[in-house]
Amino acid sequence: MAEQKSYNLRTLRGDESYDDNMFQQDMKESGINIPDDLLYTPELNQYVAAKMRDKNITEMQTTVNPETGVNFTEEEAKSFAEETYNNVIEKSKAFSK
């Protein structure tokens, strides 16, 4: 069987000891379940980034925004989460080339 290419960002950045199965386990511990059929595919990072974005939107609204002194609003959370999502997508594209 040919060796599978891992697409998680840690591996794409050069950590060849960390594969997509390890990444799947780490994400599961963070509350994100990656379907097996996304492992070793370029779609992996987009899926995880979208799940993290959704999780961030929900969780940030229970966190105090240091700039305002009150919890993040849904709009603020969405803005931050979308920016983070876009950064991950850009990094995954850059490292996948």
Protein backbone atom coordinates (compact mmCIF):
# COMPACT_ATOMS: atom_id res chain seq x y z
CA MET A 1 0.00 0.00 0.00
CA ALA A 2 1.30 3.44 -0.91
CA GLU A 3 2.02 5.83 1.92
CA GLN A 4 -0.84 8.23 2.55
CA LYS A 5 -0.21 11.97 2.56
CA SER A 6 -1.34 13.74 5.72
CA TYR A 7 -2.97 17.11 5.22
CA ASN A 8 -3.25 18.47 8.77
CA LEU A 9 -1.38 21.76 9.17
CA ARG A 10 1.13 20.39 11.65
CA THR A 11 2.25 17.78 9.13
CA LEU A 12 2.16 20.24 6.24
CA ARG A 13 4.48 22.50 8.25
CA GLY A 14 7.03 19.68 8.44
CA ASP A 15 6.22 17.44 11.42
CA GLU A 16 6.35 14.09 9.64
CA SER A 17 5.81 12.16 12.88
CA TYR A 18 2.25 13.53 13.20
CA ASP A 19 -0.30 12.00 10.87
CA ASP A 20 -3.99 12.59 10.18
CA ASN A 21 -5.02 9.77 12.53
CA MET A 22 -3.24 11.50 15.41
CA PHE A 23 -4.82 14.78 14.39
CA GLN A 24 -8.25 13.12 14.34
CA GLN A 25 -7.72 11.89 17.91
CA ASP A 26 -6.52 15.30 19.11
CA MET A 27 -9.52 17.00 17.52
CA LYS A 28 -11.88 14.44 19.07
CA GLU A 29 -10.52 15.40 22.49
CA SER A 30 -11.33 19.03 21.58
CA GLY A 31 -14.90 18.10 20.70
CA ILE A 32 -14.53 17.91 16.92
CA ASN A 33 -15.18 14.55 15.30
CA ILE A 34 -13.51 14.19 11.93
CA PRO A 35 -15.10 11.53 9.70
CA ASP A 36 -12.64 8.82 8.65
CA ASP A 37 -13.30 9.50 4.97
CA LEU A 38 -11.78 13.00 5.31
CA LEU A 39 -8.46 11.73 6.64
CA TYR A 40 -5.61 12.00 4.15
CA THR A 41 -7.62 14.33 1.89
CA PRO A 42 -7.11 18.02 1.12
CA GLU A 43 -10.65 18.68 2.41
CA LEU A 44 -9.58 17.81 5.96
CA ASN A 45 -8.48 21.32 6.96
CA GLN A 46 -11.54 23.02 5.50
CA TYR A 47 -13.81 20.68 7.47
CA VAL A 48 -11.92 21.22 10.73
CA ALA A 49 -11.69 24.98 10.18
CA ALA A 50 -15.45 25.20 9.64
CA LYS A 51 -16.16 23.16 12.78
CA MET A 52 -13.73 25.32 14.79
CA ARG A 53 -15.40 28.46 13.42
CA ASP A 54 -18.81 27.24 14.57
CA LYS A 55 -17.43 26.21 17.96
CA ASN A 56 -15.68 29.57 18.40
CA ILE A 57 -18.87 31.49 17.61
CA THR A 58 -20.75 29.60 20.31
CA GLU A 59 -18.01 29.59 22.94
CA MET A 60 -16.86 33.19 22.48
CA GLN A 61 -20.31 34.47 23.41
CA THR A 62 -19.67 33.10 26.92
CA THR A 63 -16.29 34.86 27.13
CA VAL A 64 -15.57 38.45 28.12
CA ASN A 65 -14.25 40.62 25.32
CA PRO A 66 -11.23 42.42 26.85
CA GLU A 67 -11.94 45.47 24.68
CA THR A 68 -15.52 45.95 25.93
CA GLY A 69 -15.55 44.29 29.35
CA VAL A 70 -18.67 42.31 28.48
CA ASN A 71 -19.21 39.01 26.70
CA PHE A 72 -18.53 38.90 23.00
CA THR A 73 -21.68 39.61 21.00
CA GLU A 74 -22.72 37.13 18.34
CA GLU A 75 -21.56 39.60 15.69
CA GLU A 76 -18.13 40.03 17.32
CA ALA A 77 -17.77 36.27 17.74
CA LYS A 78 -18.72 35.65 14.10
CA SER A 79 -16.26 38.27 12.89
CA PHE A 80 -13.38 36.84 14.93
CA ALA A 81 -14.26 33.24 14.05
CA GLU A 82 -14.53 34.03 10.33
CA GLU A 83 -11.15 35.77 10.38
CA THR A 84 -9.57 32.77 12.09
CA TYR A 85 -11.26 30.40 9.63
CA ASN A 86 -9.93 32.38 6.64
CA ASN A 87 -6.40 32.36 8.11
CA VAL A 88 -6.46 28.57 8.49
CA ILE A 89 -7.77 28.10 4.94
CA GLU A 90 -5.05 30.37 3.53
CA LYS A 91 -2.33 28.55 5.50
CA SER A 92 -3.58 25.14 4.40
CA LYS A 93 -3.58 26.29 0.75
CA ALA A 94 -0.08 27.72 1.07
CA PHE A 95 1.36 24.61 2.74
CA SER A 96 -0.44 22.21 0.37
CA LYS A 97 1.34 23.54 -2.72
